[in-house]
């Protein structure tokens, strides 16, 4: 069984507005990923910070487990650790780590990653677009303890880099997996690209 963890605890300091609440196709980033993970038929967690009441109140999370990141100073790895602690006592084979600022990753791309993970040939599965590693990433249960102990400065990348032979990089034709939506300019560029795509340009 795979559990999807949506990372929505970041401070969005460069964006100046909670990324989870930004709109994409008339839905928030968070709602877009919630809908996608529901379509995938996986269990779902949302990791938020202690001051994320506005994010929670704007979404229907009745069938989603909400987890709080108590290690905000650690960065994203703090949210991943919170997820691992939540699921490691349950029969979960892998965690699909989906940062909230990647709402435009195609559903089919994520299905491909899940299918690759289910083949059981790798402990970590991640997308690769034009030689670049991207998101979301699936971490198998065999590396959960490493995620809990990896130094904050290395984060989840430290687990990926430790033993390259246990990592499966899946080539995908989806540039969204490497998009960085950290600034208002990057967000506006995304909206412009999507508008051009809808118009068939």
C-alpha atoms as a PDB file:
ATOM      1  CA  UNK A   1       0.000   0.000   0.000  1.00  0.00           C
ATOM      2  CA  UNK A   2       1.177   3.493  -0.869  1.00  0.00           C
ATOM      3  CA  UNK A   3       0.334   6.599   1.121  1.00  0.00           C
ATOM      4  CA  UNK A   4       0.557  10.010  -0.508  1.00  0.00           C
ATOM      5  CA  UNK A   5       2.002  12.780   1.619  1.00  0.00           C
ATOM      6  CA  UNK A   6       1.307  16.316   0.439  1.00  0.00           C
ATOM      7  CA  UNK A   7       3.879  18.706   1.880  1.00  0.00           C
ATOM      8  CA  UNK A   8       2.128  21.989   2.680  1.00  0.00           C
ATOM      9  CA  UNK A   9       4.000  23.207   5.760  1.00  0.00           C
ATOM     10  CA  UNK A  10       6.436  25.579   4.076  1.00  0.00           C
ATOM     11  CA  UNK A  11       6.515  29.268   4.942  1.00  0.00           C
ATOM     12  CA  UNK A  12       6.376  30.357   1.269  1.00  0.00           C
ATOM     13  CA  UNK A  13       8.696  33.214   2.167  1.00  0.00           C
ATOM     14  CA  UNK A  14       9.794  33.918  -1.415  1.00  0.00           C
ATOM     15  CA  UNK A  15       6.269  33.605  -2.792  1.00  0.00           C
ATOM     16  CA  UNK A  16       4.829  35.936  -0.150  1.00  0.00           C
ATOM     17  CA  UNK A  17       1.593  33.920  -0.051  1.00  0.00           C
ATOM     18  CA  UNK A  18       0.834  30.326   1.060  1.00  0.00           C
ATOM     19  CA  UNK A  19       1.519  28.135  -1.959  1.00  0.00           C
ATOM     20  CA  UNK A  20      -1.195  25.724  -0.882  1.00  0.00           C
ATOM     21  CA  UNK A  21      -3.774  28.469  -1.495  1.00  0.00           C
ATOM     22  CA  UNK A  22      -2.536  29.622  -4.908  1.00  0.00           C
ATOM     23  CA  UNK A  23      -4.985  28.875  -7.719  1.00  0.00           C
ATOM     24  CA  UNK A  24      -4.396  26.520 -10.626  1.00  0.00           C
ATOM     25  CA  UNK A  25      -7.278  25.757 -13.015  1.00  0.00           C
ATOM     26  CA  UNK A  26      -9.641  27.486 -10.566  1.00  0.00           C
ATOM     27  CA  UNK A  27      -8.622  25.213  -7.698  1.00  0.00           C
ATOM     28  CA  UNK A  28      -6.008  25.726  -5.038  1.00  0.00           C
ATOM     29  CA  UNK A  29      -2.674  23.976  -5.401  1.00  0.00           C
ATOM     30  CA  UNK A  30      -3.579  21.793  -2.440  1.00  0.00           C
ATOM     31  CA  UNK A  31      -7.030  20.908  -3.771  1.00  0.00           C
ATOM     32  CA  UNK A  32      -5.539  20.027  -7.148  1.00  0.00           C
ATOM     33  CA  UNK A  33      -3.195  17.502  -5.553  1.00  0.00           C
ATOM     34  CA  UNK A  34      -5.892  16.228  -3.194  1.00  0.00           C
ATOM     35  CA  UNK A  35      -8.090  15.501  -6.204  1.00  0.00           C
ATOM     36  CA  UNK A  36      -5.220  13.819  -8.035  1.00  0.00           C
ATOM     37  CA  UNK A  37      -4.308  11.558  -5.132  1.00  0.00           C
ATOM     38  CA  UNK A  38      -7.965  10.668  -4.628  1.00  0.00           C
ATOM     39  CA  UNK A  39      -8.120   9.637  -8.286  1.00  0.00           C
ATOM     40  CA  UNK A  40      -5.047   7.478  -7.722  1.00  0.00           C
ATOM     41  CA  UNK A  41      -6.859   5.604  -4.969  1.00  0.00           C
ATOM     42  CA  UNK A  42      -4.126   5.983  -2.365  1.00  0.00           C
ATOM     43  CA  UNK A  43      -4.328   6.907   1.289  1.00  0.00           C
ATOM     44  CA  UNK A  44      -3.559  10.565   1.898  1.00  0.00           C
ATOM     45  CA  UNK A  45      -1.767  12.736   4.417  1.00  0.00           C
ATOM     46  CA  UNK A  46      -1.374  16.486   4.397  1.00  0.00           C
ATOM     47  CA  UNK A  47       1.503  17.919   6.405  1.00  0.00           C
ATOM     48  CA  UNK A  48       1.031  21.483   7.570  1.00  0.00           C
ATOM     49  CA  UNK A  49       2.688  23.888   9.970  1.00  0.00           C
ATOM     50  CA  UNK A  50       1.373  25.004  13.328  1.00  0.00           C
ATOM     51  CA  UNK A  51       0.005  28.239  11.839  1.00  0.00           C
ATOM     52  CA  UNK A  52      -1.839  26.707   8.892  1.00  0.00           C
ATOM     53  CA  UNK A  53      -5.436  27.129  10.082  1.00  0.00           C
ATOM     54  CA  UNK A  54      -6.308  29.117   6.964  1.00  0.00           C
ATOM     55  CA  UNK A  55      -5.137  26.260   4.749  1.00  0.00           C
ATOM     56  CA  UNK A  56      -7.150  23.694   6.679  1.00  0.00           C
ATOM     57  CA  UNK A  57     -10.319  25.772   6.798  1.00  0.00           C
ATOM     58  CA  UNK A  58     -10.328  26.267   3.030  1.00  0.00           C
ATOM     59  CA  UNK A  59     -10.387  22.553   2.178  1.00  0.00           C
ATOM     60  CA  UNK A  60     -12.568  19.527   2.833  1.00  0.00           C
ATOM     61  CA  UNK A  61     -10.192  17.140   4.583  1.00  0.00           C
ATOM     62  CA  UNK A  62     -12.708  14.727   6.103  1.00  0.00           C
ATOM     63  CA  UNK A  63     -11.012  11.657   4.586  1.00  0.00           C
ATOM     64  CA  UNK A  64      -7.454  13.013   4.771  1.00  0.00           C
ATOM     65  CA  UNK A  65      -5.129  12.655   7.741  1.00  0.00           C
ATOM     66  CA  UNK A  66      -3.690  15.990   8.829  1.00  0.00           C
ATOM     67  CA  UNK A  67      -0.196  15.840  10.306  1.00  0.00           C
ATOM     68  CA  UNK A  68       1.692  18.740  11.840  1.00  0.00           C
ATOM     69  CA  UNK A  69       5.352  19.412  11.212  1.00  0.00           C
ATOM     70  CA  UNK A  70       6.874  20.101  14.620  1.00  0.00           C
ATOM     71  CA  UNK A  71      10.327  20.601  13.065  1.00  0.00           C
ATOM     72  CA  UNK A  72       9.722  23.602  10.840  1.00  0.00           C
ATOM     73  CA  UNK A  73      13.326  24.714  11.228  1.00  0.00           C
ATOM     74  CA  UNK A  74      14.440  21.462   9.564  1.00  0.00           C
ATOM     75  CA  UNK A  75      12.743  22.322   6.275  1.00  0.00           C
ATOM     76  CA  UNK A  76      10.925  19.768   4.093  1.00  0.00           C
ATOM     77  CA  UNK A  77      12.650  16.833   5.779  1.00  0.00           C
ATOM     78  CA  UNK A  78      10.780  17.769   8.954  1.00  0.00           C
ATOM     79  CA  UNK A  79       7.490  17.219   7.140  1.00  0.00           C
ATOM     80  CA  UNK A  80       8.716  13.949   5.678  1.00  0.00           C
ATOM     81  CA  UNK A  81       9.726  12.738   9.127  1.00  0.00           C
ATOM     82  CA  UNK A  82       6.290  13.619  10.477  1.00  0.00           C
ATOM     83  CA  UNK A  83       4.800  11.506   7.687  1.00  0.00           C
ATOM     84  CA  UNK A  84       7.085   8.569   8.376  1.00  0.00           C
ATOM     85  CA  UNK A  85       6.242   8.623  12.073  1.00  0.00           C
ATOM     86  CA  UNK A  86       2.552   8.665  11.200  1.00  0.00           C
ATOM     87  CA  UNK A  87       2.624   5.632   8.901  1.00  0.00           C
ATOM     88  CA  UNK A  88       5.446   3.393  10.095  1.00  0.00           C
ATOM     89  CA  UNK A  89       3.142   1.530  12.499  1.00  0.00           C
ATOM     90  CA  UNK A  90       0.805   0.703   9.618  1.00  0.00           C
ATOM     91  CA  UNK A  91       1.135  -1.639   6.610  1.00  0.00           C
ATOM     92  CA  UNK A  92       2.472   1.050   4.290  1.00  0.00           C
ATOM     93  CA  UNK A  93       4.949  -0.051   1.636  1.00  0.00           C
ATOM     94  CA  UNK A  94       5.881   3.387   0.397  1.00  0.00           C
ATOM     95  CA  UNK A  95       5.370   7.117   0.800  1.00  0.00           C
ATOM     96  CA  UNK A  96       4.616   9.219  -2.251  1.00  0.00           C
ATOM     97  CA  UNK A  97       6.082  12.591  -1.295  1.00  0.00           C
ATOM     98  CA  UNK A  98       4.298  15.304  -3.268  1.00  0.00           C
ATOM     99  CA  UNK A  99       5.272  18.931  -2.483  1.00  0.00           C
ATOM    100  CA  UNK A 100       2.305  21.287  -2.739  1.00  0.00           C
ATOM    101  CA  UNK A 101       4.104  23.510  -5.254  1.00  0.00           C
ATOM    102  CA  UNK A 102       3.986  20.785  -7.921  1.00  0.00           C
ATOM    103  CA  UNK A 103       0.217  20.777  -8.612  1.00  0.00           C
ATOM    104  CA  UNK A 104       0.639  20.607 -12.378  1.00  0.00           C
ATOM    105  CA  UNK A 105       2.404  17.242 -12.514  1.00  0.00           C
ATOM    106  CA  UNK A 106       0.279  15.049 -14.777  1.00  0.00           C
ATOM    107  CA  UNK A 107      -1.752  12.310 -13.150  1.00  0.00           C
ATOM    108  CA  UNK A 108      -0.405   9.814 -15.670  1.00  0.00           C
ATOM    109  CA  UNK A 109       3.147  10.716 -14.642  1.00  0.00           C
ATOM    110  CA  UNK A 110       2.402   9.784 -11.050  1.00  0.00           C
ATOM    111  CA  UNK A 111       0.711   6.565 -12.137  1.00  0.00           C
ATOM    112  CA  UNK A 112       3.871   5.629 -14.014  1.00  0.00           C
ATOM    113  CA  UNK A 113       5.942   6.203 -10.862  1.00  0.00           C
ATOM    114  CA  UNK A 114       3.576   4.121  -8.736  1.00  0.00           C
ATOM    115  CA  UNK A 115       3.595   1.272 -11.263  1.00  0.00           C
ATOM    116  CA  UNK A 116       7.400   1.346 -11.312  1.00  0.00           C
ATOM    117  CA  UNK A 117       7.549   1.234  -7.512  1.00  0.00           C
ATOM    118  CA  UNK A 118       5.138  -1.686  -7.342  1.00  0.00           C
ATOM    119  CA  UNK A 119       7.541  -3.756  -9.425  1.00  0.00           C
ATOM    120  CA  UNK A 120       9.674  -3.909  -6.301  1.00  0.00           C
ATOM    121  CA  UNK A 121      13.010  -3.286  -7.985  1.00  0.00           C
ATOM    122  CA  UNK A 122      13.965  -0.084  -6.150  1.00  0.00           C
ATOM    123  CA  UNK A 123      13.717   1.488  -2.705  1.00  0.00           C
ATOM    124  CA  UNK A 124      13.342   4.985  -4.143  1.00  0.00           C
ATOM    125  CA  UNK A 125      11.515   5.914  -7.346  1.00  0.00           C
ATOM    126  CA  UNK A 126      11.653   9.388  -8.841  1.00  0.00           C
ATOM    127  CA  UNK A 127      10.887  11.055 -12.169  1.00  0.00           C
ATOM    128  CA  UNK A 128      13.591  12.228 -14.519  1.00  0.00           C
ATOM    129  CA  UNK A 129      13.031  14.907 -17.122  1.00  0.00           C
ATOM    130  CA  UNK A 130      15.893  15.678 -19.512  1.00  0.00           C
ATOM    131  CA  UNK A 131      18.552  14.366 -17.114  1.00  0.00           C
ATOM    132  CA  UNK A 132      17.076  16.258 -14.137  1.00  0.00           C
ATOM    133  CA  UNK A 133      15.552  14.577 -11.119  1.00  0.00           C
ATOM    134  CA  UNK A 134      12.158  15.834 -10.071  1.00  0.00           C
ATOM    135  CA  UNK A 135       9.072  15.392  -7.904  1.00  0.00           C
ATOM    136  CA  UNK A 136       7.071  13.637  -6.606  1.00  0.00           C
ATOM    137  CA  UNK A 137       9.270  10.892  -5.166  1.00  0.00           C
ATOM    138  CA  UNK A 138       8.313   7.515  -3.712  1.00  0.00           C
ATOM    139  CA  UNK A 139      10.317   6.271  -0.729  1.00  0.00           C
ATOM    140  CA  UNK A 140       9.967   2.612   0.174  1.00  0.00           C
ATOM    141  CA  UNK A 141       9.554   1.365   3.720  1.00  0.00           C
ATOM    142  CA  UNK A 142      13.142   0.101   3.699  1.00  0.00           C
ATOM    143  CA  UNK A 143      14.437   3.697   3.873  1.00  0.00           C
ATOM    144  CA  UNK A 144      11.958   5.089   6.413  1.00  0.00           C
ATOM    145  CA  UNK A 145      14.443   4.933   9.275  1.00  0.00           C
ATOM    146  CA  UNK A 146      17.051   6.731   7.182  1.00  0.00           C
ATOM    147  CA  UNK A 147      14.592   9.530   6.506  1.00  0.00           C
ATOM    148  CA  UNK A 148      14.178   9.917  10.249  1.00  0.00           C
ATOM    149  CA  UNK A 149      17.911  10.197  10.908  1.00  0.00           C
ATOM    150  CA  UNK A 150      19.373  11.941   7.848  1.00  0.00           C
ATOM    151  CA  UNK A 151      20.910  15.335   8.751  1.00  0.00           C
ATOM    152  CA  UNK A 152      18.681  18.358   8.192  1.00  0.00           C
ATOM    153  CA  UNK A 153      21.294  19.891   5.926  1.00  0.00           C
ATOM    154  CA  UNK A 154      21.095  16.912   3.558  1.00  0.00           C
ATOM    155  CA  UNK A 155      17.369  16.263   3.744  1.00  0.00           C
ATOM    156  CA  UNK A 156      15.770  13.542   1.641  1.00  0.00           C
ATOM    157  CA  UNK A 157      18.460  14.058  -1.011  1.00  0.00           C
ATOM    158  CA  UNK A 158      20.907  12.504   1.420  1.00  0.00           C
ATOM    159  CA  UNK A 159      18.912   9.266   1.356  1.00  0.00           C
ATOM    160  CA  UNK A 160      18.717   9.340  -2.433  1.00  0.00           C
ATOM    161  CA  UNK A 161      22.457   9.876  -2.841  1.00  0.00           C
ATOM    162  CA  UNK A 162      23.683   7.329  -0.290  1.00  0.00           C
ATOM    163  CA  UNK A 163      23.197   4.251  -2.466  1.00  0.00           C
ATOM    164  CA  UNK A 164      22.473   5.180  -6.095  1.00  0.00           C
ATOM    165  CA  UNK A 165      21.934   1.538  -7.030  1.00  0.00           C
ATOM    166  CA  UNK A 166      18.690   1.388  -5.033  1.00  0.00           C
ATOM    167  CA  UNK A 167      17.223   4.440  -6.806  1.00  0.00           C
ATOM    168  CA  UNK A 168      15.129   4.100  -9.952  1.00  0.00           C
ATOM    169  CA  UNK A 169      14.976   7.206 -12.130  1.00  0.00           C
ATOM    170  CA  UNK A 170      11.958   6.960 -14.406  1.00  0.00           C
ATOM    171  CA  UNK A 171      12.187   9.047 -17.604  1.00  0.00           C
ATOM    172  CA  UNK A 172       9.009  11.083 -18.103  1.00  0.00           C
ATOM    173  CA  UNK A 173       7.837  13.545 -20.730  1.00  0.00           C
ATOM    174  CA  UNK A 174       6.503  16.004 -18.162  1.00  0.00           C
ATOM    175  CA  UNK A 175       8.498  19.150 -17.480  1.00  0.00           C
ATOM    176  CA  UNK A 176       6.286  19.925 -14.474  1.00  0.00           C
ATOM    177  CA  UNK A 177       8.289  17.471 -12.373  1.00  0.00           C
ATOM    178  CA  UNK A 178      11.239  19.870 -12.387  1.00  0.00           C
ATOM    179  CA  UNK A 179       9.340  23.167 -12.267  1.00  0.00           C
ATOM    180  CA  UNK A 180      10.320  25.450  -9.399  1.00  0.00           C
ATOM    181  CA  UNK A 181       7.385  27.601  -8.268  1.00  0.00           C
ATOM    182  CA  UNK A 182       9.071  29.598  -5.531  1.00  0.00           C
ATOM    183  CA  UNK A 183       8.406  33.181  -6.591  1.00  0.00           C
ATOM    184  CA  UNK A 184       5.466  35.266  -7.854  1.00  0.00           C
ATOM    185  CA  UNK A 185       7.248  35.522 -11.199  1.00  0.00           C
ATOM    186  CA  UNK A 186       7.472  31.729 -11.533  1.00  0.00           C
ATOM    187  CA  UNK A 187       3.805  31.404 -10.628  1.00  0.00           C
ATOM    188  CA  UNK A 188       2.735  33.970 -13.201  1.00  0.00           C
ATOM    189  CA  UNK A 189       4.860  32.206 -15.806  1.00  0.00           C
ATOM    190  CA  UNK A 190       3.036  28.954 -15.013  1.00  0.00           C
ATOM    191  CA  UNK A 191      -0.329  30.641 -15.502  1.00  0.00           C
ATOM    192  CA  UNK A 192       0.783  32.129 -18.814  1.00  0.00           C
ATOM    193  CA  UNK A 193       2.027  28.748 -20.049  1.00  0.00           C
ATOM    194  CA  UNK A 194      -1.214  27.040 -19.063  1.00  0.00           C
ATOM    195  CA  UNK A 195      -3.253  29.749 -20.767  1.00  0.00           C
ATOM    196  CA  UNK A 196      -1.269  29.322 -23.983  1.00  0.00           C
ATOM    197  CA  UNK A 197      -1.702  25.544 -23.746  1.00  0.00           C
ATOM    198  CA  UNK A 198      -5.483  25.848 -23.361  1.00  0.00           C
ATOM    199  CA  UNK A 199      -5.603  28.123 -26.403  1.00  0.00           C
ATOM    200  CA  UNK A 200      -3.582  25.594 -28.384  1.00  0.00           C
ATOM    201  CA  UNK A 201      -0.634  27.896 -28.977  1.00  0.00           C
END
